[in-house]
Amino acid sequence: RVSGHDLYLDLPLAPWEAVLGASIDVPTLAGAVRLKVPPNTPAGQKLRLSGRGLPRPHGKEGDLFAITQIVVPAATTDAERGLYEQLAKDSTFNPRAHLQQEMNNAP
């Protein structure tokens, strides 16, 4: 996507890359650039690559923004499914916790 001189791209991340952090090669107009994804990066996070957008006639280039998307793989092996089951058992994370709070605050 283009907005003025800035470029936007959707950056797919595996869940472990989003949680643990990763270095990802991102395509730009001048070739691939290594982008450091910080640990605990949420979906929808806008990561900026300064000066990697479209050129301007009398100034520096626009920016490239990589918008993170968490891609959930299908559990295709018993080992992978076991990891998901262990995570579900050990985790206290509730992605819907805010829903009850919103219902309590509704008029």
N, C-alpha and C. Protein backbone atom coordinates (compact mmCIF):
# COMPACT_ATOMS: atom_id res chain seq x y z
N ARG A 1 0.84 -1.18 0.00
CA ARG A 1 0.00 0.00 0.00
C ARG A 1 0.88 1.23 0.00
N VAL A 2 0.39 2.28 -0.57
CA VAL A 2 1.14 3.53 -0.67
C VAL A 2 0.32 4.64 -0.03
N SER A 3 0.97 5.49 0.74
CA SER A 3 0.36 6.68 1.31
C SER A 3 1.37 7.81 1.18
N GLY A 4 1.16 8.69 0.21
CA GLY A 4 2.15 9.73 -0.06
C GLY A 4 3.44 9.09 -0.52
N HIS A 5 4.50 9.33 0.23
CA HIS A 5 5.80 8.73 -0.10
C HIS A 5 6.13 7.54 0.81
N ASP A 6 5.19 7.19 1.68
CA ASP A 6 5.39 6.05 2.58
C ASP A 6 4.78 4.79 1.98
N LEU A 7 5.44 3.67 2.25
CA LEU A 7 4.96 2.36 1.82
C LEU A 7 4.57 1.54 3.04
N TYR A 8 3.55 0.72 2.88
CA TYR A 8 3.08 -0.16 3.96
C TYR A 8 3.05 -1.59 3.43
N LEU A 9 3.55 -2.52 4.24
CA LEU A 9 3.44 -3.92 3.87
C LEU A 9 3.03 -4.73 5.08
N ASP A 10 2.29 -5.80 4.84
CA ASP A 10 1.91 -6.72 5.90
C ASP A 10 3.06 -7.69 6.11
N LEU A 11 3.52 -7.79 7.35
CA LEU A 11 4.66 -8.65 7.68
C LEU A 11 4.19 -9.86 8.47
N PRO A 12 4.09 -11.03 7.83
CA PRO A 12 3.66 -12.22 8.55
C PRO A 12 4.74 -12.69 9.52
N LEU A 13 4.32 -13.02 10.74
CA LEU A 13 5.22 -13.55 11.76
C LEU A 13 4.64 -14.83 12.33
N ALA A 14 5.51 -15.79 12.60
CA ALA A 14 5.09 -16.97 13.35
C ALA A 14 4.89 -16.55 14.80
N PRO A 15 4.03 -17.22 15.55
CA PRO A 15 3.81 -16.83 16.95
C PRO A 15 5.10 -16.76 17.76
N TRP A 16 6.02 -17.69 17.54
CA TRP A 16 7.26 -17.68 18.32
C TRP A 16 8.15 -16.51 17.93
N GLU A 17 8.09 -16.05 16.68
CA GLU A 17 8.86 -14.86 16.29
C GLU A 17 8.31 -13.63 16.99
N ALA A 18 6.99 -13.54 17.10
CA ALA A 18 6.37 -12.40 17.77
C ALA A 18 6.68 -12.40 19.26
N VAL A 19 6.66 -13.56 19.89
CA VAL A 19 6.90 -13.64 21.33
C VAL A 19 8.38 -13.52 21.67
N LEU A 20 9.22 -14.21 20.95
CA LEU A 20 10.65 -14.27 21.29
C LEU A 20 11.47 -13.16 20.64
N GLY A 21 10.93 -12.54 19.59
CA GLY A 21 11.70 -11.58 18.80
C GLY A 21 12.43 -12.32 17.69
N ALA A 22 12.76 -11.60 16.65
CA ALA A 22 13.42 -12.23 15.50
C ALA A 22 14.05 -11.16 14.62
N SER A 23 14.96 -11.58 13.78
CA SER A 23 15.49 -10.74 12.71
C SER A 23 14.93 -11.28 11.41
N ILE A 24 14.21 -10.42 10.68
CA ILE A 24 13.47 -10.83 9.49
C ILE A 24 13.98 -10.04 8.30
N ASP A 25 14.14 -10.69 7.16
CA ASP A 25 14.46 -9.99 5.92
C ASP A 25 13.17 -9.43 5.33
N VAL A 26 13.14 -8.12 5.12
CA VAL A 26 11.97 -7.43 4.59
C VAL A 26 12.31 -6.88 3.21
N PRO A 27 11.47 -7.14 2.21
CA PRO A 27 11.74 -6.60 0.88
C PRO A 27 11.50 -5.10 0.83
N THR A 28 12.42 -4.38 0.20
CA THR A 28 12.27 -2.94 -0.02
C THR A 28 12.56 -2.66 -1.49
N LEU A 29 12.35 -1.42 -1.90
CA LEU A 29 12.62 -1.05 -3.28
C LEU A 29 14.09 -1.22 -3.64
N ALA A 30 14.97 -1.12 -2.65
CA ALA A 30 16.41 -1.23 -2.89
C ALA A 30 16.96 -2.62 -2.55
N GLY A 31 16.07 -3.58 -2.28
CA GLY A 31 16.51 -4.91 -1.90
C GLY A 31 16.12 -5.22 -0.47
N ALA A 32 16.38 -6.44 -0.06
CA ALA A 32 15.99 -6.89 1.28
C ALA A 32 16.80 -6.17 2.36
N VAL A 33 16.12 -5.87 3.46
CA VAL A 33 16.74 -5.23 4.62
C VAL A 33 16.38 -6.06 5.85
N ARG A 34 17.33 -6.23 6.74
CA ARG A 34 17.10 -6.99 7.96
C ARG A 34 16.38 -6.10 8.97
N LEU A 35 15.22 -6.57 9.45
CA LEU A 35 14.42 -5.84 10.43
C LEU A 35 14.41 -6.63 11.73
N LYS A 36 14.70 -5.95 12.83
CA LYS A 36 14.69 -6.59 14.13
C LYS A 36 13.29 -6.44 14.73
N VAL A 37 12.63 -7.56 14.94
CA VAL A 37 11.32 -7.58 15.57
C VAL A 37 11.54 -7.77 17.06
N PRO A 38 11.10 -6.80 17.89
CA PRO A 38 11.33 -6.94 19.32
C PRO A 38 10.47 -8.05 19.94
N PRO A 39 10.92 -8.60 21.07
CA PRO A 39 10.11 -9.60 21.76
C PRO A 39 8.74 -9.03 22.15
N ASN A 40 7.74 -9.91 22.20
CA ASN A 40 6.37 -9.56 22.59
C ASN A 40 5.73 -8.53 21.66
N THR A 41 6.02 -8.64 20.38
CA THR A 41 5.42 -7.76 19.39
C THR A 41 4.00 -8.22 19.09
N PRO A 42 3.00 -7.34 19.28
CA PRO A 42 1.62 -7.74 19.01
C PRO A 42 1.27 -7.65 17.53
N ALA A 43 0.20 -8.30 17.14
CA ALA A 43 -0.33 -8.16 15.78
C ALA A 43 -0.77 -6.71 15.60
N GLY A 44 -0.54 -6.18 14.40
CA GLY A 44 -0.93 -4.81 14.11
C GLY A 44 0.12 -3.77 14.47
N GLN A 45 1.24 -4.20 15.05
CA GLN A 45 2.32 -3.27 15.40
C GLN A 45 2.93 -2.71 14.13
N LYS A 46 3.19 -1.41 14.13
CA LYS A 46 3.78 -0.75 12.97
C LYS A 46 5.28 -0.59 13.22
N LEU A 47 6.10 -1.29 12.45
CA LEU A 47 7.56 -1.21 12.56
C LEU A 47 8.07 -0.37 11.40
N ARG A 48 8.87 0.64 11.71
CA ARG A 48 9.29 1.63 10.71
C ARG A 48 10.70 1.36 10.19
N LEU A 49 10.82 1.41 8.87
CA LEU A 49 12.13 1.39 8.22
C LEU A 49 12.30 2.76 7.58
N SER A 50 13.02 3.61 8.26
CA SER A 50 13.18 5.00 7.84
C SER A 50 13.92 5.11 6.51
N GLY A 51 13.39 5.95 5.61
CA GLY A 51 14.05 6.21 4.34
C GLY A 51 13.94 5.08 3.33
N ARG A 52 13.07 4.10 3.56
CA ARG A 52 12.93 2.95 2.66
C ARG A 52 11.65 3.02 1.82
N GLY A 53 11.02 4.20 1.79
CA GLY A 53 9.80 4.36 1.00
C GLY A 53 10.10 4.92 -0.37
N LEU A 54 9.14 5.66 -0.92
CA LEU A 54 9.30 6.24 -2.26
C LEU A 54 10.14 7.50 -2.21
N PRO A 55 10.93 7.75 -3.26
CA PRO A 55 11.75 8.96 -3.29
C PRO A 55 10.88 10.21 -3.45
N ARG A 56 11.36 11.31 -2.87
CA ARG A 56 10.70 12.61 -3.02
C ARG A 56 11.53 13.44 -3.98
N PRO A 57 10.91 14.35 -4.70
CA PRO A 57 11.66 15.15 -5.68
C PRO A 57 12.80 15.97 -5.06
N HIS A 58 12.56 16.59 -3.91
CA HIS A 58 13.58 17.46 -3.32
C HIS A 58 13.78 17.16 -1.84
N GLY A 59 14.01 15.94 -1.53
CA GLY A 59 14.21 15.60 -0.12
C GLY A 59 14.47 14.13 0.05
N LYS A 60 14.44 13.72 1.30
CA LYS A 60 14.73 12.31 1.57
C LYS A 60 13.52 11.45 1.23
N GLU A 61 13.77 10.16 1.14
CA GLU A 61 12.73 9.20 0.80
C GLU A 61 11.72 9.08 1.93
N GLY A 62 10.54 8.58 1.55
CA GLY A 62 9.54 8.27 2.57
C GLY A 62 9.98 7.04 3.36
N ASP A 63 9.11 6.58 4.22
CA ASP A 63 9.42 5.44 5.07
C ASP A 63 8.64 4.20 4.62
N LEU A 64 9.13 3.05 5.03
CA LEU A 64 8.41 1.80 4.83
C LEU A 64 7.94 1.34 6.20
N PHE A 65 6.67 1.03 6.31
CA PHE A 65 6.10 0.55 7.56
C PHE A 65 5.69 -0.91 7.38
N ALA A 66 6.22 -1.77 8.23
CA ALA A 66 5.86 -3.18 8.23
C ALA A 66 4.83 -3.39 9.34
N ILE A 67 3.62 -3.80 8.95
CA ILE A 67 2.54 -4.03 9.91
C ILE A 67 2.51 -5.52 10.23
N THR A 68 2.74 -5.85 11.50
CA THR A 68 2.87 -7.25 11.88
C THR A 68 1.53 -7.98 11.85
N GLN A 69 1.58 -9.19 11.36
CA GLN A 69 0.44 -10.11 11.35
C GLN A 69 0.93 -11.44 11.91
N ILE A 70 0.25 -11.93 12.93
CA ILE A 70 0.63 -13.21 13.51
C ILE A 70 -0.09 -14.31 12.73
N VAL A 71 0.69 -15.22 12.17
CA VAL A 71 0.15 -16.32 11.38
C VAL A 71 0.24 -17.59 12.22
N VAL A 72 -0.91 -18.19 12.46
CA VAL A 72 -0.96 -19.39 13.29
C VAL A 72 -0.86 -20.62 12.38
N PRO A 73 0.19 -21.41 12.56
CA PRO A 73 0.32 -22.60 11.73
C PRO A 73 -0.62 -23.71 12.21
N ALA A 74 -0.99 -24.56 11.30
CA ALA A 74 -1.77 -25.73 11.68
C ALA A 74 -0.84 -26.70 12.42
N ALA A 75 -1.34 -27.30 13.47
CA ALA A 75 -0.54 -28.30 14.19
C ALA A 75 -0.57 -29.58 13.37
N THR A 76 0.50 -29.82 12.66
CA THR A 76 0.50 -30.95 11.73
C THR A 76 1.15 -32.21 12.30
N THR A 77 1.90 -32.06 13.35
CA THR A 77 2.54 -33.24 13.93
C THR A 77 2.07 -33.42 15.37
N ASP A 78 2.24 -34.61 15.89
CA ASP A 78 1.88 -34.86 17.29
C ASP A 78 2.72 -34.00 18.22
N ALA A 79 3.99 -33.81 17.88
CA ALA A 79 4.88 -33.00 18.72
C ALA A 79 4.41 -31.55 18.77
N GLU A 80 4.02 -31.00 17.62
CA GLU A 80 3.53 -29.61 17.59
C GLU A 80 2.23 -29.49 18.38
N ARG A 81 1.33 -30.42 18.18
CA ARG A 81 0.07 -30.39 18.92
C ARG A 81 0.34 -30.49 20.43
N GLY A 82 1.29 -31.32 20.80
CA GLY A 82 1.66 -31.45 22.21
C GLY A 82 2.17 -30.14 22.79
N LEU A 83 2.93 -29.40 21.99
CA LEU A 83 3.43 -28.10 22.45
C LEU A 83 2.27 -27.12 22.68
N TYR A 84 1.31 -27.10 21.76
CA TYR A 84 0.14 -26.23 21.94
C TYR A 84 -0.66 -26.64 23.18
N GLU A 85 -0.83 -27.95 23.39
CA GLU A 85 -1.57 -28.43 24.56
C GLU A 85 -0.86 -28.04 25.85
N GLN A 86 0.46 -28.14 25.87
CA GLN A 86 1.22 -27.76 27.06
C GLN A 86 1.12 -26.26 27.30
N LEU A 87 1.19 -25.48 26.25
CA LEU A 87 1.05 -24.03 26.37
C LEU A 87 -0.33 -23.67 26.91
N ALA A 88 -1.38 -24.31 26.40
CA ALA A 88 -2.74 -24.04 26.87
C ALA A 88 -2.87 -24.38 28.35
N LYS A 89 -2.21 -25.45 28.78
CA LYS A 89 -2.27 -25.87 30.18
C LYS A 89 -1.52 -24.90 31.10
N ASP A 90 -0.35 -24.45 30.67
CA ASP A 90 0.52 -23.64 31.51
C ASP A 90 0.21 -22.15 31.48
N SER A 91 -0.40 -21.67 30.42
CA SER A 91 -0.57 -20.23 30.23
C SER A 91 -1.73 -19.68 31.04
N THR A 92 -1.55 -18.48 31.56
CA THR A 92 -2.63 -17.76 32.24
C THR A 92 -3.23 -16.69 31.33
N PHE A 93 -2.76 -16.60 30.11
CA PHE A 93 -3.22 -15.59 29.16
C PHE A 93 -4.66 -15.87 28.74
N ASN A 94 -5.50 -14.83 28.79
CA ASN A 94 -6.88 -14.92 28.33
C ASN A 94 -7.11 -13.80 27.32
N PRO A 95 -7.16 -14.11 26.03
CA PRO A 95 -7.30 -13.06 25.03
C PRO A 95 -8.67 -12.38 25.06
N ARG A 96 -9.62 -12.95 25.79
CA ARG A 96 -10.96 -12.37 25.86
C ARG A 96 -11.27 -11.73 27.21
N ALA A 97 -10.27 -11.54 28.04
CA ALA A 97 -10.49 -10.98 29.38
C ALA A 97 -11.16 -9.62 29.33
N HIS A 98 -10.83 -8.82 28.35
CA HIS A 98 -11.40 -7.47 28.25
C HIS A 98 -12.89 -7.48 27.91
N LEU A 99 -13.40 -8.58 27.35
CA LEU A 99 -14.81 -8.63 26.96
C LEU A 99 -15.73 -8.54 28.17
N GLN A 100 -15.42 -9.25 29.24
CA GLN A 100 -16.25 -9.19 30.44
C GLN A 100 -16.19 -7.80 31.05
N GLN A 101 -15.03 -7.19 31.04
CA GLN A 101 -14.87 -5.84 31.57
C GLN A 101 -15.73 -4.86 30.76
N GLU A 102 -15.75 -5.01 29.44
CA GLU A 102 -16.57 -4.15 28.59
C GLU A 102 -18.05 -4.35 28.87
N MET A 103 -18.47 -5.59 29.10
CA MET A 103 -19.88 -5.87 29.41
C MET A 103 -20.27 -5.23 30.74
N ASN A 104 -19.37 -5.26 31.72
CA ASN A 104 -19.66 -4.66 33.02
C ASN A 104 -19.79 -3.14 32.94
N ASN A 105 -19.11 -2.53 31.98
CA ASN A 105 -19.13 -1.07 31.83
C ASN A 105 -20.21 -0.60 30.86
N ALA A 106 -20.94 -1.53 30.24
CA ALA A 106 -21.97 -1.15 29.27
C ALA A 106 -23.16 -0.51 30.00
N PRO A 107 -23.84 0.45 29.35
CA PRO A 107 -24.99 1.11 30.00
C PRO A 107 -26.16 0.18 30.20
